[in-house]
């Protein structure tokens, strides 16, 4: 009973983070800002949901599979987000709006 409650808390927390990411997609104006929000939300939400699934399934061979899925998602999600961002910058209409401000130069 306690295990199911803890797993439900983790899964609902992951669903809340996913919902926050969806809200961020609609709130942000630029593609790069949208990618930034979704990359962080997806990574955290996948962690919470998979921890909940591990707690529900118990520690067995399926736990190992879930850990491998989590590891794969943690490796691929940031890499794909960076590649999509670079593609948007290179093919965008106005690349000046995506310039990065150098904080060290602007503070002098």
C-alpha atoms as a PDB file:
ATOM      1  CA  UNK A   1       0.000   0.000   0.000  1.00  0.00           C
ATOM      2  CA  UNK A   2       2.726   2.458   0.957  1.00  0.00           C
ATOM      3  CA  UNK A   3       4.715   1.518  -2.130  1.00  0.00           C
ATOM      4  CA  UNK A   4       1.747   2.307  -4.376  1.00  0.00           C
ATOM      5  CA  UNK A   5       1.244   5.701  -2.703  1.00  0.00           C
ATOM      6  CA  UNK A   6       4.909   6.656  -3.109  1.00  0.00           C
ATOM      7  CA  UNK A   7       4.896   5.521  -6.746  1.00  0.00           C
ATOM      8  CA  UNK A   8       1.717   7.515  -7.398  1.00  0.00           C
ATOM      9  CA  UNK A   9       3.333  10.639  -5.945  1.00  0.00           C
ATOM     10  CA  UNK A  10       6.339  10.251  -8.248  1.00  0.00           C
ATOM     11  CA  UNK A  11       4.193   9.598 -11.333  1.00  0.00           C
ATOM     12  CA  UNK A  12       1.870  12.521 -10.588  1.00  0.00           C
ATOM     13  CA  UNK A  13       4.918  14.727 -10.020  1.00  0.00           C
ATOM     14  CA  UNK A  14       6.251  13.717 -13.431  1.00  0.00           C
ATOM     15  CA  UNK A  15       2.909  14.441 -15.038  1.00  0.00           C
ATOM     16  CA  UNK A  16       2.877  17.876 -13.384  1.00  0.00           C
ATOM     17  CA  UNK A  17       6.335  18.636 -14.778  1.00  0.00           C
ATOM     18  CA  UNK A  18       5.188  17.534 -18.256  1.00  0.00           C
ATOM     19  CA  UNK A  19       2.142  19.813 -17.946  1.00  0.00           C
ATOM     20  CA  UNK A  20       4.400  22.701 -16.930  1.00  0.00           C
ATOM     21  CA  UNK A  21       6.494  22.062 -20.035  1.00  0.00           C
ATOM     22  CA  UNK A  22       3.414  22.141 -22.239  1.00  0.00           C
ATOM     23  CA  UNK A  23       2.391  25.447 -20.673  1.00  0.00           C
ATOM     24  CA  UNK A  24       5.895  26.762 -21.367  1.00  0.00           C
ATOM     25  CA  UNK A  25       5.594  25.815 -25.035  1.00  0.00           C
ATOM     26  CA  UNK A  26       2.517  27.991 -25.402  1.00  0.00           C
ATOM     27  CA  UNK A  27       3.875  30.848 -23.301  1.00  0.00           C
ATOM     28  CA  UNK A  28       7.282  31.308 -24.953  1.00  0.00           C
ATOM     29  CA  UNK A  29       7.599  33.253 -28.203  1.00  0.00           C
ATOM     30  CA  UNK A  30      10.746  31.925 -29.870  1.00  0.00           C
ATOM     31  CA  UNK A  31      11.591  28.388 -30.909  1.00  0.00           C
ATOM     32  CA  UNK A  32      14.802  28.332 -28.913  1.00  0.00           C
ATOM     33  CA  UNK A  33      13.014  29.358 -25.719  1.00  0.00           C
ATOM     34  CA  UNK A  34      10.451  26.627 -26.313  1.00  0.00           C
ATOM     35  CA  UNK A  35      13.185  24.039 -26.773  1.00  0.00           C
ATOM     36  CA  UNK A  36      14.901  25.185 -23.598  1.00  0.00           C
ATOM     37  CA  UNK A  37      11.740  24.718 -21.536  1.00  0.00           C
ATOM     38  CA  UNK A  38      10.834  21.357 -22.996  1.00  0.00           C
ATOM     39  CA  UNK A  39      14.344  19.915 -22.727  1.00  0.00           C
ATOM     40  CA  UNK A  40      14.516  20.500 -18.987  1.00  0.00           C
ATOM     41  CA  UNK A  41      10.922  19.489 -18.312  1.00  0.00           C
ATOM     42  CA  UNK A  42      11.185  16.275 -20.333  1.00  0.00           C
ATOM     43  CA  UNK A  43      14.343  15.197 -18.576  1.00  0.00           C
ATOM     44  CA  UNK A  44      12.991  15.771 -15.071  1.00  0.00           C
ATOM     45  CA  UNK A  45       9.558  14.326 -15.840  1.00  0.00           C
ATOM     46  CA  UNK A  46      11.058  11.152 -17.308  1.00  0.00           C
ATOM     47  CA  UNK A  47      13.138  10.726 -14.139  1.00  0.00           C
ATOM     48  CA  UNK A  48      10.117  11.061 -11.858  1.00  0.00           C
ATOM     49  CA  UNK A  49       7.851   8.798 -13.897  1.00  0.00           C
ATOM     50  CA  UNK A  50      10.447   6.071 -14.292  1.00  0.00           C
ATOM     51  CA  UNK A  51      11.249   6.169 -10.563  1.00  0.00           C
ATOM     52  CA  UNK A  52       7.531   5.698  -9.936  1.00  0.00           C
ATOM     53  CA  UNK A  53       7.428   2.762 -12.340  1.00  0.00           C
ATOM     54  CA  UNK A  54      10.477   1.206 -10.697  1.00  0.00           C
ATOM     55  CA  UNK A  55       8.786   1.460  -7.307  1.00  0.00           C
ATOM     56  CA  UNK A  56       5.593  -0.140  -8.658  1.00  0.00           C
ATOM     57  CA  UNK A  57       7.362  -2.996 -10.445  1.00  0.00           C
ATOM     58  CA  UNK A  58       9.689  -3.777  -7.564  1.00  0.00           C
ATOM     59  CA  UNK A  59      13.337  -4.496  -8.012  1.00  0.00           C
ATOM     60  CA  UNK A  60      13.508  -7.075 -10.792  1.00  0.00           C
ATOM     61  CA  UNK A  61      14.715  -7.438 -14.359  1.00  0.00           C
ATOM     62  CA  UNK A  62      12.153  -4.856 -15.498  1.00  0.00           C
ATOM     63  CA  UNK A  63      13.865  -2.362 -13.184  1.00  0.00           C
ATOM     64  CA  UNK A  64      17.044  -2.783 -15.187  1.00  0.00           C
ATOM     65  CA  UNK A  65      15.118  -2.144 -18.398  1.00  0.00           C
ATOM     66  CA  UNK A  66      13.602   1.031 -16.962  1.00  0.00           C
ATOM     67  CA  UNK A  67      17.028   2.265 -15.878  1.00  0.00           C
ATOM     68  CA  UNK A  68      18.379   1.647 -19.377  1.00  0.00           C
ATOM     69  CA  UNK A  69      15.444   3.613 -20.853  1.00  0.00           C
ATOM     70  CA  UNK A  70      16.117   6.462 -18.425  1.00  0.00           C
ATOM     71  CA  UNK A  71      19.819   6.485 -19.282  1.00  0.00           C
ATOM     72  CA  UNK A  72      19.024   6.512 -23.013  1.00  0.00           C
ATOM     73  CA  UNK A  73      16.571   9.395 -22.598  1.00  0.00           C
ATOM     74  CA  UNK A  74      19.043  11.402 -20.512  1.00  0.00           C
ATOM     75  CA  UNK A  75      21.709  11.011 -23.192  1.00  0.00           C
ATOM     76  CA  UNK A  76      19.569  11.676 -26.255  1.00  0.00           C
ATOM     77  CA  UNK A  77      17.231  14.442 -25.058  1.00  0.00           C
ATOM     78  CA  UNK A  78      19.881  17.167 -24.496  1.00  0.00           C
ATOM     79  CA  UNK A  79      21.781  16.210 -27.649  1.00  0.00           C
ATOM     80  CA  UNK A  80      18.667  16.385 -29.821  1.00  0.00           C
ATOM     81  CA  UNK A  81      17.659  19.700 -28.262  1.00  0.00           C
ATOM     82  CA  UNK A  82      21.045  21.211 -29.072  1.00  0.00           C
ATOM     83  CA  UNK A  83      20.925  19.887 -32.649  1.00  0.00           C
ATOM     84  CA  UNK A  84      17.440  21.309 -33.230  1.00  0.00           C
ATOM     85  CA  UNK A  85      18.551  24.651 -31.759  1.00  0.00           C
ATOM     86  CA  UNK A  86      21.578  24.808 -34.048  1.00  0.00           C
ATOM     87  CA  UNK A  87      19.402  23.977 -37.047  1.00  0.00           C
ATOM     88  CA  UNK A  88      16.981  26.752 -36.096  1.00  0.00           C
ATOM     89  CA  UNK A  89      19.776  29.288 -35.705  1.00  0.00           C
ATOM     90  CA  UNK A  90      21.335  28.349 -39.046  1.00  0.00           C
ATOM     91  CA  UNK A  91      18.053  28.377 -40.955  1.00  0.00           C
ATOM     92  CA  UNK A  92      16.256  31.152 -39.082  1.00  0.00           C
ATOM     93  CA  UNK A  93      15.000  34.339 -40.718  1.00  0.00           C
ATOM     94  CA  UNK A  94      16.651  36.708 -38.265  1.00  0.00           C
ATOM     95  CA  UNK A  95      19.724  35.164 -36.630  1.00  0.00           C
ATOM     96  CA  UNK A  96      20.537  38.471 -34.842  1.00  0.00           C
ATOM     97  CA  UNK A  97      17.769  37.831 -32.304  1.00  0.00           C
ATOM     98  CA  UNK A  98      19.542  34.642 -31.203  1.00  0.00           C
ATOM     99  CA  UNK A  99      22.914  36.201 -30.420  1.00  0.00           C
ATOM    100  CA  UNK A 100      24.376  35.252 -27.076  1.00  0.00           C
ATOM    101  CA  UNK A 101      25.366  38.149 -24.841  1.00  0.00           C
ATOM    102  CA  UNK A 102      28.832  37.796 -23.388  1.00  0.00           C
ATOM    103  CA  UNK A 103      28.394  38.575 -19.692  1.00  0.00           C
ATOM    104  CA  UNK A 104      32.076  39.229 -19.077  1.00  0.00           C
ATOM    105  CA  UNK A 105      32.312  41.884 -21.781  1.00  0.00           C
ATOM    106  CA  UNK A 106      29.080  43.633 -20.856  1.00  0.00           C
ATOM    107  CA  UNK A 107      30.044  43.952 -17.184  1.00  0.00           C
ATOM    108  CA  UNK A 108      33.202  45.999 -17.905  1.00  0.00           C
END
